[in-house]
Amino acid sequence: MRKTKCWQIILGIFALLGISWTGTQFRNKNLSRSQKKNIAGKWKISLADCPIEKELTIHPTGEVFIDSREIKGEIVRSSKNYFLFQDHFGYRLELFRNKEGELTFFDEADDKWYQVDDI
């Protein structure tokens, strides 16, 4: 009876390790696919009622910089018309491209929509 419980525990641990490894591999595979489709570039972002401008940079690898300062986090979703990034605090940064090709930027931490202009 004691040997049976020991083996059940060992098999359970290996099953959990296998599931977590498979999930990590699946997430990394999806991330590498989405990185190929990132909206990449450098833009000026500003609020309509504020003269202060910031610089937003998204590298093709998915790194995000605001005013040359890297924002730590991860890509949640990415395509040629939409980019969703979640920072290490859990806030979302979203970049949208409409049908006319114009971009808008939303920063959940500030809860503000920014106007996006090419540099």
PDB file of N, CA and C in Angstrom:
ATOM      1  N   MET A   1       0.826  -1.196   0.000  1.00  0.00           N
ATOM      2  CA  MET A   1       0.000   0.000   0.000  1.00  0.00           C
ATOM      3  C   MET A   1       0.870   1.258   0.000  1.00  0.00           C
ATOM      4  N   ARG A   2       1.917   1.272   0.773  1.00  0.00           N
ATOM      5  CA  ARG A   2       2.788   2.433   0.880  1.00  0.00           C
ATOM      6  C   ARG A   2       3.528   2.682  -0.446  1.00  0.00           C
ATOM      7  N   LYS A   3       3.989   1.621  -1.133  1.00  0.00           N
ATOM      8  CA  LYS A   3       4.680   1.758  -2.415  1.00  0.00           C
ATOM      9  C   LYS A   3       3.745   2.343  -3.464  1.00  0.00           C
ATOM     10  N   THR A   4       2.507   1.926  -3.441  1.00  0.00           N
ATOM     11  CA  THR A   4       1.536   2.411  -4.421  1.00  0.00           C
ATOM     12  C   THR A   4       1.337   3.922  -4.278  1.00  0.00           C
ATOM     13  N   LYS A   5       1.182   4.431  -3.062  1.00  0.00           N
ATOM     14  CA  LYS A   5       1.006   5.870  -2.844  1.00  0.00           C
ATOM     15  C   LYS A   5       2.244   6.646  -3.281  1.00  0.00           C
ATOM     16  N   CYS A   6       3.400   6.102  -3.005  1.00  0.00           N
ATOM     17  CA  CYS A   6       4.648   6.753  -3.390  1.00  0.00           C
ATOM     18  C   CYS A   6       4.728   6.897  -4.910  1.00  0.00           C
ATOM     19  N   TRP A   7       4.398   5.823  -5.619  1.00  0.00           N
ATOM     20  CA  TRP A   7       4.422   5.864  -7.083  1.00  0.00           C
ATOM     21  C   TRP A   7       3.364   6.819  -7.636  1.00  0.00           C
ATOM     22  N   GLN A   8       2.208   6.862  -7.001  1.00  0.00           N
ATOM     23  CA  GLN A   8       1.166   7.784  -7.451  1.00  0.00           C
ATOM     24  C   GLN A   8       1.627   9.233  -7.302  1.00  0.00           C
ATOM     25  N   ILE A   9       2.293   9.521  -6.201  1.00  0.00           N
ATOM     26  CA  ILE A   9       2.790  10.875  -5.977  1.00  0.00           C
ATOM     27  C   ILE A   9       3.862  11.228  -7.006  1.00  0.00           C
ATOM     28  N   ILE A  10       4.782  10.305  -7.241  1.00  0.00           N
ATOM     29  CA  ILE A  10       5.852  10.547  -8.218  1.00  0.00           C
ATOM     30  C   ILE A  10       5.269  10.752  -9.611  1.00  0.00           C
ATOM     31  N   LEU A  11       4.325   9.905 -10.010  1.00  0.00           N
ATOM     32  CA  LEU A  11       3.697  10.057 -11.327  1.00  0.00           C
ATOM     33  C   LEU A  11       2.922  11.366 -11.426  1.00  0.00           C
ATOM     34  N   GLY A  12       2.270  11.762 -10.348  1.00  0.00           N
ATOM     35  CA  GLY A  12       1.545  13.030 -10.332  1.00  0.00           C
ATOM     36  C   GLY A  12       2.473  14.217 -10.514  1.00  0.00           C
ATOM     37  N   ILE A  13       3.627  14.172  -9.859  1.00  0.00           N
ATOM     38  CA  ILE A  13       4.602  15.258  -9.992  1.00  0.00           C
ATOM     39  C   ILE A  13       5.107  15.351 -11.423  1.00  0.00           C
ATOM     40  N   PHE A  14       5.424  14.196 -12.022  1.00  0.00           N
ATOM     41  CA  PHE A  14       5.887  14.207 -13.412  1.00  0.00           C
ATOM     42  C   PHE A  14       4.799  14.704 -14.365  1.00  0.00           C
ATOM     43  N   ALA A  15       3.559  14.351 -14.090  1.00  0.00           N
ATOM     44  CA  ALA A  15       2.457  14.822 -14.934  1.00  0.00           C
ATOM     45  C   ALA A  15       2.348  16.345 -14.853  1.00  0.00           C
ATOM     46  N   LEU A  16       2.435  16.899 -13.638  1.00  0.00           N
ATOM     47  CA  LEU A  16       2.369  18.362 -13.485  1.00  0.00           C
ATOM     48  C   LEU A  16       3.536  19.059 -14.158  1.00  0.00           C
ATOM     49  N   LEU A  17       4.726  18.484 -14.030  1.00  0.00           N
ATOM     50  CA  LEU A  17       5.888  19.075 -14.700  1.00  0.00           C
ATOM     51  C   LEU A  17       5.713  19.054 -16.215  1.00  0.00           C
ATOM     52  N   GLY A  18       5.176  17.966 -16.737  1.00  0.00           N
ATOM     53  CA  GLY A  18       4.948  17.863 -18.183  1.00  0.00           C
ATOM     54  C   GLY A  18       3.935  18.868 -18.670  1.00  0.00           C
ATOM     55  N   ILE A  19       2.872  19.072 -17.909  1.00  0.00           N
ATOM     56  CA  ILE A  19       1.838  20.035 -18.292  1.00  0.00           C
ATOM     57  C   ILE A  19       2.399  21.454 -18.279  1.00  0.00           C
ATOM     58  N   SER A  20       3.151  21.803 -17.227  1.00  0.00           N
ATOM     59  CA  SER A  20       3.688  23.159 -17.169  1.00  0.00           C
ATOM     60  C   SER A  20       4.727  23.391 -18.257  1.00  0.00           C
ATOM     61  N   TRP A  21       5.538  22.411 -18.584  1.00  0.00           N
ATOM     62  CA  TRP A  21       6.530  22.550 -19.640  1.00  0.00           C
ATOM     63  C   TRP A  21       5.841  22.729 -20.993  1.00  0.00           C
ATOM     64  N   THR A  22       4.800  21.937 -21.244  1.00  0.00           N
ATOM     65  CA  THR A  22       4.063  22.035 -22.500  1.00  0.00           C
ATOM     66  C   THR A  22       3.414  23.408 -22.644  1.00  0.00           C
ATOM     67  N   GLY A  23       2.836  23.929 -21.559  1.00  0.00           N
ATOM     68  CA  GLY A  23       2.215  25.255 -21.596  1.00  0.00           C
ATOM     69  C   GLY A  23       3.230  26.340 -21.889  1.00  0.00           C
ATOM     70  N   THR A  24       4.408  26.242 -21.301  1.00  0.00           N
ATOM     71  CA  THR A  24       5.464  27.221 -21.550  1.00  0.00           C
ATOM     72  C   THR A  24       5.919  27.170 -22.994  1.00  0.00           C
ATOM     73  N   GLN A  25       6.092  25.986 -23.532  1.00  0.00           N
ATOM     74  CA  GLN A  25       6.514  25.842 -24.921  1.00  0.00           C
ATOM     75  C   GLN A  25       5.456  26.406 -25.865  1.00  0.00           C
ATOM     76  N   PHE A  26       4.174  26.158 -25.575  1.00  0.00           N
ATOM     77  CA  PHE A  26       3.087  26.665 -26.411  1.00  0.00           C
ATOM     78  C   PHE A  26       3.069  28.191 -26.389  1.00  0.00           C
ATOM     79  N   ARG A  27       3.227  28.786 -25.208  1.00  0.00           N
ATOM     80  CA  ARG A  27       3.209  30.247 -25.096  1.00  0.00           C
ATOM     81  C   ARG A  27       4.400  30.855 -25.829  1.00  0.00           C
ATOM     82  N   ASN A  28       5.592  30.269 -25.676  1.00  0.00           N
ATOM     83  CA  ASN A  28       6.770  30.787 -26.359  1.00  0.00           C
ATOM     84  C   ASN A  28       6.639  30.656 -27.872  1.00  0.00           C
ATOM     85  N   LYS A  29       6.028  29.578 -28.343  1.00  0.00           N
ATOM     86  CA  LYS A  29       5.841  29.388 -29.781  1.00  0.00           C
ATOM     87  C   LYS A  29       4.890  30.451 -30.330  1.00  0.00           C
ATOM     88  N   ASN A  30       3.788  30.707 -29.622  1.00  0.00           N
ATOM     89  CA  ASN A  30       2.842  31.736 -30.056  1.00  0.00           C
ATOM     90  C   ASN A  30       3.473  33.115 -30.013  1.00  0.00           C
ATOM     91  N   LEU A  31       4.294  33.380 -29.006  1.00  0.00           N
ATOM     92  CA  LEU A  31       4.937  34.672 -28.895  1.00  0.00           C
ATOM     93  C   LEU A  31       5.891  34.901 -30.059  1.00  0.00           C
ATOM     94  N   SER A  32       6.670  33.878 -30.423  1.00  0.00           N
ATOM     95  CA  SER A  32       7.604  34.066 -31.535  1.00  0.00           C
ATOM     96  C   SER A  32       6.856  34.286 -32.849  1.00  0.00           C
ATOM     97  N   ARG A  33       5.695  33.666 -33.006  1.00  0.00           N
ATOM     98  CA  ARG A  33       4.883  33.920 -34.203  1.00  0.00           C
ATOM     99  C   ARG A  33       4.376  35.348 -34.214  1.00  0.00           C
ATOM    100  N   SER A  34       3.892  35.825 -33.055  1.00  0.00           N
ATOM    101  CA  SER A  34       3.322  37.170 -33.018  1.00  0.00           C
ATOM    102  C   SER A  34       4.400  38.235 -33.174  1.00  0.00           C
ATOM    103  N   GLN A  35       5.631  37.950 -32.758  1.00  0.00           N
ATOM    104  CA  GLN A  35       6.689  38.933 -32.894  1.00  0.00           C
ATOM    105  C   GLN A  35       6.989  39.244 -34.349  1.00  0.00           C
ATOM    106  N   LYS A  36       6.716  38.313 -35.238  1.00  0.00           N
ATOM    107  CA  LYS A  36       6.954  38.548 -36.660  1.00  0.00           C
ATOM    108  C   LYS A  36       5.978  39.572 -37.230  1.00  0.00           C
ATOM    109  N   LYS A  37       4.839  39.788 -36.550  1.00  0.00           N
ATOM    110  CA  LYS A  37       3.800  40.665 -37.065  1.00  0.00           C
ATOM    111  C   LYS A  37       3.672  41.965 -36.279  1.00  0.00           C
ATOM    112  N   ASN A  38       4.645  42.290 -35.461  1.00  0.00           N
ATOM    113  CA  ASN A  38       4.540  43.480 -34.622  1.00  0.00           C
ATOM    114  C   ASN A  38       4.412  44.758 -35.425  1.00  0.00           C
ATOM    115  N   ILE A  39       3.669  45.687 -34.849  1.00  0.00           N
ATOM    116  CA  ILE A  39       3.727  47.059 -35.319  1.00  0.00           C
ATOM    117  C   ILE A  39       5.039  47.586 -34.760  1.00  0.00           C
ATOM    118  N   ALA A  40       5.970  47.893 -35.592  1.00  0.00           N
ATOM    119  CA  ALA A  40       7.265  48.393 -35.118  1.00  0.00           C
ATOM    120  C   ALA A  40       7.484  49.787 -35.672  1.00  0.00           C
ATOM    121  N   GLY A  41       8.125  50.626 -34.878  1.00  0.00           N
ATOM    122  CA  GLY A  41       8.420  51.972 -35.344  1.00  0.00           C
ATOM    123  C   GLY A  41       8.680  52.924 -34.207  1.00  0.00           C
ATOM    124  N   LYS A  42       8.758  54.184 -34.571  1.00  0.00           N
ATOM    125  CA  LYS A  42       9.021  55.249 -33.602  1.00  0.00           C
ATOM    126  C   LYS A  42       8.035  56.374 -33.885  1.00  0.00           C
ATOM    127  N   TRP A  43       7.345  56.841 -32.826  1.00  0.00           N
ATOM    128  CA  TRP A  43       6.323  57.865 -32.988  1.00  0.00           C
ATOM    129  C   TRP A  43       6.382  58.883 -31.861  1.00  0.00           C
ATOM    130  N   LYS A  44       5.766  60.036 -32.115  1.00  0.00           N
ATOM    131  CA  LYS A  44       5.519  61.027 -31.074  1.00  0.00           C
ATOM    132  C   LYS A  44       4.105  60.781 -30.584  1.00  0.00           C
ATOM    133  N   ILE A  45       3.922  60.759 -29.268  1.00  0.00           N
ATOM    134  CA  ILE A  45       2.572  60.643 -28.723  1.00  0.00           C
ATOM    135  C   ILE A  45       2.306  61.864 -27.863  1.00  0.00           C
ATOM    136  N   SER A  46       1.069  62.352 -27.926  1.00  0.00           N
ATOM    137  CA  SER A  46       0.709  63.545 -27.153  1.00  0.00           C
ATOM    138  C   SER A  46      -0.780  63.527 -26.865  1.00  0.00           C
ATOM    139  N   LEU A  47      -1.142  64.253 -25.823  1.00  0.00           N
ATOM    140  CA  LEU A  47      -2.545  64.445 -25.491  1.00  0.00           C
ATOM    141  C   LEU A  47      -3.058  65.647 -26.266  1.00  0.00           C
ATOM    142  N   ALA A  48      -4.314  65.626 -26.618  1.00  0.00           N
ATOM    143  CA  ALA A  48      -4.893  66.718 -27.409  1.00  0.00           C
ATOM    144  C   ALA A  48      -4.817  68.057 -26.672  1.00  0.00           C
ATOM    145  N   ASP A  49      -4.974  68.046 -25.350  1.00  0.00           N
ATOM    146  CA  ASP A  49      -5.011  69.299 -24.593  1.00  0.00           C
ATOM    147  C   ASP A  49      -3.707  69.611 -23.861  1.00  0.00           C
ATOM    148  N   CYS A  50      -2.621  68.936 -24.223  1.00  0.00           N
ATOM    149  CA  CYS A  50      -1.349  69.126 -23.518  1.00  0.00           C
ATOM    150  C   CYS A  50      -0.201  69.251 -24.525  1.00  0.00           C
ATOM    151  N   PRO A  51       0.643  70.257 -24.384  1.00  0.00           N
ATOM    152  CA  PRO A  51       1.717  70.454 -25.365  1.00  0.00           C
ATOM    153  C   PRO A  51       2.904  69.491 -25.191  1.00  0.00           C
ATOM    154  N   ILE A  52       2.945  68.734 -24.110  1.00  0.00           N
ATOM    155  CA  ILE A  52       4.066  67.827 -23.859  1.00  0.00           C
ATOM    156  C   ILE A  52       3.954  66.596 -24.756  1.00  0.00           C
ATOM    157  N   GLU A  53       5.063  66.276 -25.421  1.00  0.00           N
ATOM    158  CA  GLU A  53       5.106  65.093 -26.287  1.00  0.00           C
ATOM    159  C   GLU A  53       6.044  64.061 -25.689  1.00  0.00           C
ATOM    160  N   LYS A  54       5.731  62.807 -25.935  1.00  0.00           N
ATOM    161  CA  LYS A  54       6.594  61.702 -25.541  1.00  0.00           C
ATOM    162  C   LYS A  54       6.964  60.937 -26.794  1.00  0.00           C
ATOM    163  N   GLU A  55       8.014  60.154 -26.698  1.00  0.00           N
ATOM    164  CA  GLU A  55       8.444  59.340 -27.829  1.00  0.00           C
ATOM    165  C   GLU A  55       8.152  57.874 -27.521  1.00  0.00           C
ATOM    166  N   LEU A  56       7.408  57.232 -28.396  1.00  0.00           N
ATOM    167  CA  LEU A  56       7.073  55.814 -28.265  1.00  0.00           C
ATOM    168  C   LEU A  56       7.859  55.042 -29.312  1.00  0.00           C
ATOM    169  N   THR A  57       8.575  54.009 -28.879  1.00  0.00           N
ATOM    170  CA  THR A  57       9.332  53.160 -29.788  1.00  0.00           C
ATOM    171  C   THR A  57       8.972  51.707 -29.527  1.00  0.00           C
ATOM    172  N   ILE A  58       8.640  51.003 -30.602  1.00  0.00           N
ATOM    173  CA  ILE A  58       8.405  49.558 -30.516  1.00  0.00           C
ATOM    174  C   ILE A  58       9.364  48.896 -31.487  1.00  0.00           C
ATOM    175  N   HIS A  59      10.247  48.078 -30.948  1.00  0.00           N
ATOM    176  CA  HIS A  59      11.200  47.349 -31.778  1.00  0.00           C
ATOM    177  C   HIS A  59      10.523  46.130 -32.395  1.00  0.00           C
ATOM    178  N   PRO A  60      11.027  45.638 -33.526  1.00  0.00           N
ATOM    179  CA  PRO A  60      10.461  44.430 -34.145  1.00  0.00           C
ATOM    180  C   PRO A  60      10.472  43.218 -33.208  1.00  0.00           C
ATOM    181  N   THR A  61      11.362  43.217 -32.231  1.00  0.00           N
ATOM    182  CA  THR A  61      11.420  42.116 -31.262  1.00  0.00           C
ATOM    183  C   THR A  61      10.370  42.243 -30.176  1.00  0.00           C
ATOM    184  N   GLY A  62       9.645  43.366 -30.143  1.00  0.00           N
ATOM    185  CA  GLY A  62       8.577  43.547 -29.169  1.00  0.00           C
ATOM    186  C   GLY A  62       8.957  44.366 -27.956  1.00  0.00           C
ATOM    187  N   GLU A  63      10.178  44.880 -27.901  1.00  0.00           N
ATOM    188  CA  GLU A  63      10.570  45.739 -26.793  1.00  0.00           C
ATOM    189  C   GLU A  63       9.893  47.093 -26.953  1.00  0.00           C
ATOM    190  N   VAL A  64       9.405  47.648 -25.845  1.00  0.00           N
ATOM    191  CA  VAL A  64       8.688  48.915 -25.863  1.00  0.00           C
ATOM    192  C   VAL A  64       9.471  49.934 -25.046  1.00  0.00           C
ATOM    193  N   PHE A  65       9.639  51.137 -25.630  1.00  0.00           N
ATOM    194  CA  PHE A  65      10.340  52.228 -24.972  1.00  0.00           C
ATOM    195  C   PHE A  65       9.469  53.470 -25.017  1.00  0.00           C
ATOM    196  N   ILE A  66       9.397  54.176 -23.893  1.00  0.00           N
ATOM    197  CA  ILE A  66       8.756  55.490 -23.861  1.00  0.00           C
ATOM    198  C   ILE A  66       9.820  56.465 -23.385  1.00  0.00           C
ATOM    199  N   ASP A  67      10.100  57.468 -24.213  1.00  0.00           N
ATOM    200  CA  ASP A  67      11.186  58.431 -23.957  1.00  0.00           C
ATOM    201  C   ASP A  67      12.512  57.711 -23.689  1.00  0.00           C
ATOM    202  N   SER A  68      12.829  56.754 -24.531  1.00  0.00           N
ATOM    203  CA  SER A  68      14.074  55.977 -24.471  1.00  0.00           C
ATOM    204  C   SER A  68      14.225  55.139 -23.204  1.00  0.00           C
ATOM    205  N   ARG A  69      13.161  54.994 -22.427  1.00  0.00           N
ATOM    206  CA  ARG A  69      13.188  54.161 -21.228  1.00  0.00           C
ATOM    207  C   ARG A  69      12.402  52.885 -21.502  1.00  0.00           C
ATOM    208  N   GLU A  70      13.057  51.734 -21.336  1.00  0.00           N
ATOM    209  CA  GLU A  70      12.400  50.459 -21.641  1.00  0.00           C
ATOM    210  C   GLU A  70      11.293  50.178 -20.635  1.00  0.00           C
ATOM    211  N   ILE A  71      10.165  49.747 -21.153  1.00  0.00           N
ATOM    212  CA  ILE A  71       9.042  49.338 -20.327  1.00  0.00           C
ATOM    213  C   ILE A  71       9.102  47.818 -20.238  1.00  0.00           C
ATOM    214  N   LYS A  72       9.278  47.303 -19.058  1.00  0.00           N
ATOM    215  CA  LYS A  72       9.371  45.863 -18.887  1.00  0.00           C
ATOM    216  C   LYS A  72       7.982  45.256 -18.910  1.00  0.00           C
ATOM    217  N   GLY A  73       7.857  44.136 -19.606  1.00  0.00           N
ATOM    218  CA  GLY A  73       6.575  43.463 -19.719  1.00  0.00           C
ATOM    219  C   GLY A  73       6.611  42.459 -20.847  1.00  0.00           C
ATOM    220  N   GLU A  74       5.427  42.123 -21.366  1.00  0.00           N
ATOM    221  CA  GLU A  74       5.362  41.138 -22.433  1.00  0.00           C
ATOM    222  C   GLU A  74       4.250  41.466 -23.420  1.00  0.00           C
ATOM    223  N   ILE A  75       4.437  40.990 -24.638  1.00  0.00           N
ATOM    224  CA  ILE A  75       3.429  41.143 -25.679  1.00  0.00           C
ATOM    225  C   ILE A  75       2.288  40.179 -25.382  1.00  0.00           C
ATOM    226  N   VAL A  76       1.075  40.691 -25.398  1.00  0.00           N
ATOM    227  CA  VAL A  76      -0.100  39.846 -25.214  1.00  0.00           C
ATOM    228  C   VAL A  76      -0.669  39.466 -26.576  1.00  0.00           C
ATOM    229  N   ARG A  77      -0.773  40.455 -27.455  1.00  0.00           N
ATOM    230  CA  ARG A  77      -1.307  40.213 -28.807  1.00  0.00           C
ATOM    231  C   ARG A  77      -0.664  41.209 -29.751  1.00  0.00           C
ATOM    232  N   SER A  78      -0.435  40.759 -30.973  1.00  0.00           N
ATOM    233  CA  SER A  78       0.189  41.651 -31.935  1.00  0.00           C
ATOM    234  C   SER A  78      -0.215  41.273 -33.355  1.00  0.00           C
ATOM    235  N   SER A  79      -0.489  42.283 -34.138  1.00  0.00           N
ATOM    236  CA  SER A  79      -0.753  42.099 -35.568  1.00  0.00           C
ATOM    237  C   SER A  79      -0.303  43.383 -36.253  1.00  0.00           C
ATOM    238  N   LYS A  80      -0.537  43.481 -37.545  1.00  0.00           N
ATOM    239  CA  LYS A  80      -0.119  44.697 -38.247  1.00  0.00           C
ATOM    240  C   LYS A  80      -0.981  45.907 -37.886  1.00  0.00           C
ATOM    241  N   ASN A  81      -2.185  45.677 -37.327  1.00  0.00           N
ATOM    242  CA  ASN A  81      -3.092  46.772 -36.988  1.00  0.00           C
ATOM    243  C   ASN A  81      -3.341  46.948 -35.491  1.00  0.00           C
ATOM    244  N   TYR A  82      -2.786  46.068 -34.670  1.00  0.00           N
ATOM    245  CA  TYR A  82      -3.070  46.125 -33.233  1.00  0.00           C
ATOM    246  C   TYR A  82      -1.876  45.578 -32.462  1.00  0.00           C
ATOM    247  N   PHE A  83      -1.530  46.253 -31.387  1.00  0.00           N
ATOM    248  CA  PHE A  83      -0.425  45.822 -30.533  1.00  0.00           C
ATOM    249  C   PHE A  83      -0.865  45.975 -29.091  1.00  0.00           C
ATOM    250  N   LEU A  84      -0.860  44.885 -28.338  1.00  0.00           N
ATOM    251  CA  LEU A  84      -1.238  44.904 -26.930  1.00  0.00           C
ATOM    252  C   LEU A  84      -0.053  44.415 -26.114  1.00  0.00           C
ATOM    253  N   PHE A  85       0.393  45.259 -25.209  1.00  0.00           N
ATOM    254  CA  PHE A  85       1.557  44.988 -24.371  1.00  0.00           C
ATOM    255  C   PHE A  85       1.123  45.147 -22.924  1.00  0.00           C
ATOM    256  N   GLN A  86       1.517  44.214 -22.065  1.00  0.00           N
ATOM    257  CA  GLN A  86       1.195  44.326 -20.638  1.00  0.00           C
ATOM    258  C   GLN A  86       2.494  44.536 -19.875  1.00  0.00           C
ATOM    259  N   ASP A  87       2.550  45.648 -19.135  1.00  0.00           N
ATOM    260  CA  ASP A  87       3.780  45.938 -18.402  1.00  0.00           C
ATOM    261  C   ASP A  87       3.879  45.081 -17.143  1.00  0.00           C
ATOM    262  N   HIS A  88       5.001  45.192 -16.448  1.00  0.00           N
ATOM    263  CA  HIS A  88       5.240  44.345 -15.282  1.00  0.00           C
ATOM    264  C   HIS A  88       4.341  44.686 -14.093  1.00  0.00           C
ATOM    265  N   PHE A  89       3.622  45.791 -14.145  1.00  0.00           N
ATOM    266  CA  PHE A  89       2.645  46.121 -13.110  1.00  0.00           C
ATOM    267  C   PHE A  89       1.255  45.580 -13.451  1.00  0.00           C
ATOM    268  N   GLY A  90       1.087  45.094 -14.688  1.00  0.00           N
ATOM    269  CA  GLY A  90      -0.207  44.562 -15.117  1.00  0.00           C
ATOM    270  C   GLY A  90      -1.025  45.531 -15.947  1.00  0.00           C
ATOM    271  N   TYR A  91      -0.512  46.735 -16.194  1.00  0.00           N
ATOM    272  CA  TYR A  91      -1.233  47.711 -17.010  1.00  0.00           C
ATOM    273  C   TYR A  91      -1.003  47.434 -18.494  1.00  0.00           C
ATOM    274  N   ARG A  92      -2.020  47.760 -19.305  1.00  0.00           N
ATOM    275  CA  ARG A  92      -1.937  47.521 -20.746  1.00  0.00           C
ATOM    276  C   ARG A  92      -1.555  48.786 -21.495  1.00  0.00           C
ATOM    277  N   LEU A  93      -0.753  48.580 -22.525  1.00  0.00           N
ATOM    278  CA  LEU A  93      -0.453  49.612 -23.502  1.00  0.00           C
ATOM    279  C   LEU A  93      -0.989  49.085 -24.821  1.00  0.00           C
ATOM    280  N   GLU A  94      -1.839  49.861 -25.476  1.00  0.00           N
ATOM    281  CA  GLU A  94      -2.452  49.404 -26.720  1.00  0.00           C
ATOM    282  C   GLU A  94      -2.208  50.417 -27.830  1.00  0.00           C
ATOM    283  N   LEU A  95      -1.868  49.889 -28.993  1.00  0.00           N
ATOM    284  CA  LEU A  95      -1.658  50.718 -30.174  1.00  0.00           C
ATOM    285  C   LEU A  95      -2.581  50.187 -31.270  1.00  0.00           C
ATOM    286  N   PHE A  96      -3.452  51.064 -31.787  1.00  0.00           N
ATOM    287  CA  PHE A  96      -4.437  50.684 -32.793  1.00  0.00           C
ATOM    288  C   PHE A  96      -4.153  51.400 -34.103  1.00  0.00           C
ATOM    289  N   ARG A  97      -4.355  50.704 -35.223  1.00  0.00           N
ATOM    290  CA  ARG A  97      -4.294  51.338 -36.544  1.00  0.00           C
ATOM    291  C   ARG A  97      -5.686  51.216 -37.154  1.00  0.00           C
ATOM    292  N   ASN A  98      -6.285  52.354 -37.530  1.00  0.00           N
ATOM    293  CA  ASN A  98      -7.617  52.314 -38.141  1.00  0.00           C
ATOM    294  C   ASN A  98      -7.525  52.047 -39.646  1.00  0.00           C
ATOM    295  N   LYS A  99      -8.662  52.042 -40.323  1.00  0.00           N
ATOM    296  CA  LYS A  99      -8.694  51.729 -41.761  1.00  0.00           C
ATOM    297  C   LYS A  99      -7.912  52.740 -42.596  1.00  0.00           C
ATOM    298  N   GLU A 100      -7.847  53.972 -42.132  1.00  0.00           N
ATOM    299  CA  GLU A 100      -7.111  55.010 -42.857  1.00  0.00           C
ATOM    300  C   GLU A 100      -5.608  54.937 -42.579  1.00  0.00           C
ATOM    301  N   GLY A 101      -5.191  54.062 -41.676  1.00  0.00           N
ATOM    302  CA  GLY A 101      -3.780  53.915 -41.356  1.00  0.00           C
ATOM    303  C   GLY A 101      -3.305  54.781 -40.199  1.00  0.00           C
ATOM    304  N   GLU A 102      -4.224  55.545 -39.601  1.00  0.00           N
ATOM    305  CA  GLU A 102      -3.863  56.400 -38.475  1.00  0.00           C
ATOM    306  C   GLU A 102      -3.756  55.555 -37.202  1.00  0.00           C
ATOM    307  N   LEU A 103      -2.802  55.931 -36.341  1.00  0.00           N
ATOM    308  CA  LEU A 103      -2.581  55.207 -35.099  1.00  0.00           C
ATOM    309  C   LEU A 103      -3.106  55.983 -33.901  1.00  0.00           C
ATOM    310  N   THR A 104      -3.618  55.272 -32.914  1.00  0.00           N
ATOM    311  CA  THR A 104      -3.959  55.835 -31.613  1.00  0.00           C
ATOM    312  C   THR A 104      -3.334  54.942 -30.552  1.00  0.00           C
ATOM    313  N   PHE A 105      -3.015  55.533 -29.417  1.00  0.00           N
ATOM    314  CA  PHE A 105      -2.321  54.834 -28.349  1.00  0.00           C
ATOM    315  C   PHE A 105      -3.086  55.008 -27.055  1.00  0.00           C
ATOM    316  N   PHE A 106      -3.299  53.913 -26.328  1.00  0.00           N
ATOM    317  CA  PHE A 106      -3.971  53.958 -25.029  1.00  0.00           C
ATOM    318  C   PHE A 106      -3.030  53.443 -23.960  1.00  0.00           C
ATOM    319  N   ASP A 107      -2.873  54.224 -22.898  1.00  0.00           N
ATOM    320  CA  ASP A 107      -2.061  53.828 -21.751  1.00  0.00           C
ATOM    321  C   ASP A 107      -3.006  53.625 -20.572  1.00  0.00           C
ATOM    322  N   GLU A 108      -3.192  52.361 -20.176  1.00  0.00           N
ATOM    323  CA  GLU A 108      -4.135  52.059 -19.102  1.00  0.00           C
ATOM    324  C   GLU A 108      -3.678  52.643 -17.761  1.00  0.00           C
ATOM    325  N   ALA A 109      -2.378  52.735 -17.525  1.00  0.00           N
ATOM    326  CA  ALA A 109      -1.874  53.282 -16.263  1.00  0.00           C
ATOM    327  C   ALA A 109      -2.314  54.734 -16.090  1.00  0.00           C
ATOM    328  N   ASP A 110      -2.293  55.503 -17.173  1.00  0.00           N
ATOM    329  CA  ASP A 110      -2.741  56.902 -17.141  1.00  0.00           C
ATOM    330  C   ASP A 110      -4.227  57.030 -17.435  1.00  0.00           C
ATOM    331  N   ASP A 111      -4.808  55.969 -17.984  1.00  0.00           N
ATOM    332  CA  ASP A 111      -6.203  55.956 -18.443  1.00  0.00           C
ATOM    333  C   ASP A 111      -6.437  57.099 -19.437  1.00  0.00           C
ATOM    334  N   LYS A 112      -5.507  57.200 -20.423  1.00  0.00           N
ATOM    335  CA  LYS A 112      -5.593  58.269 -21.412  1.00  0.00           C
ATOM    336  C   LYS A 112      -5.327  57.737 -22.815  1.00  0.00           C
ATOM    337  N   TRP A 113      -5.983  58.392 -23.781  1.00  0.00           N
ATOM    338  CA  TRP A 113      -5.769  58.117 -25.203  1.00  0.00           C
ATOM    339  C   TRP A 113      -4.819  59.171 -25.734  1.00  0.00           C
ATOM    340  N   TYR A 114      -3.813  58.733 -26.455  1.00  0.00           N
ATOM    341  CA  TYR A 114      -2.811  59.634 -27.004  1.00  0.00           C
ATOM    342  C   TYR A 114      -2.930  59.702 -28.521  1.00  0.00           C
ATOM    343  N   GLN A 115      -2.669  60.879 -29.030  1.00  0.00           N
ATOM    344  CA  GLN A 115      -2.576  61.103 -30.469  1.00  0.00           C
ATOM    345  C   GLN A 115      -1.194  60.623 -30.902  1.00  0.00           C
ATOM    346  N   VAL A 116      -1.109  59.940 -32.023  1.00  0.00           N
ATOM    347  CA  VAL A 116       0.159  59.382 -32.494  1.00  0.00           C
ATOM    348  C   VAL A 116       0.540  60.040 -33.816  1.00  0.00           C
ATOM    349  N   ASP A 117       1.777  60.555 -33.867  1.00  0.00           N
ATOM    350  CA  ASP A 117       2.287  61.183 -35.092  1.00  0.00           C
ATOM    351  C   ASP A 117       3.629  60.569 -35.424  1.00  0.00           C
ATOM    352  N   ASP A 118       3.918  60.470 -36.715  1.00  0.00           N
ATOM    353  CA  ASP A 118       5.213  59.962 -37.162  1.00  0.00           C
ATOM    354  C   ASP A 118       6.323  60.934 -36.758  1.00  0.00           C
ATOM    355  N   ILE A 119       7.486  60.388 -36.563  1.00  0.00           N
ATOM    356  CA  ILE A 119       8.660  61.230 -36.267  1.00  0.00           C
ATOM    357  C   ILE A 119       9.385  61.519 -37.557  1.00  0.00           C
TER     358      ILE A 119
END
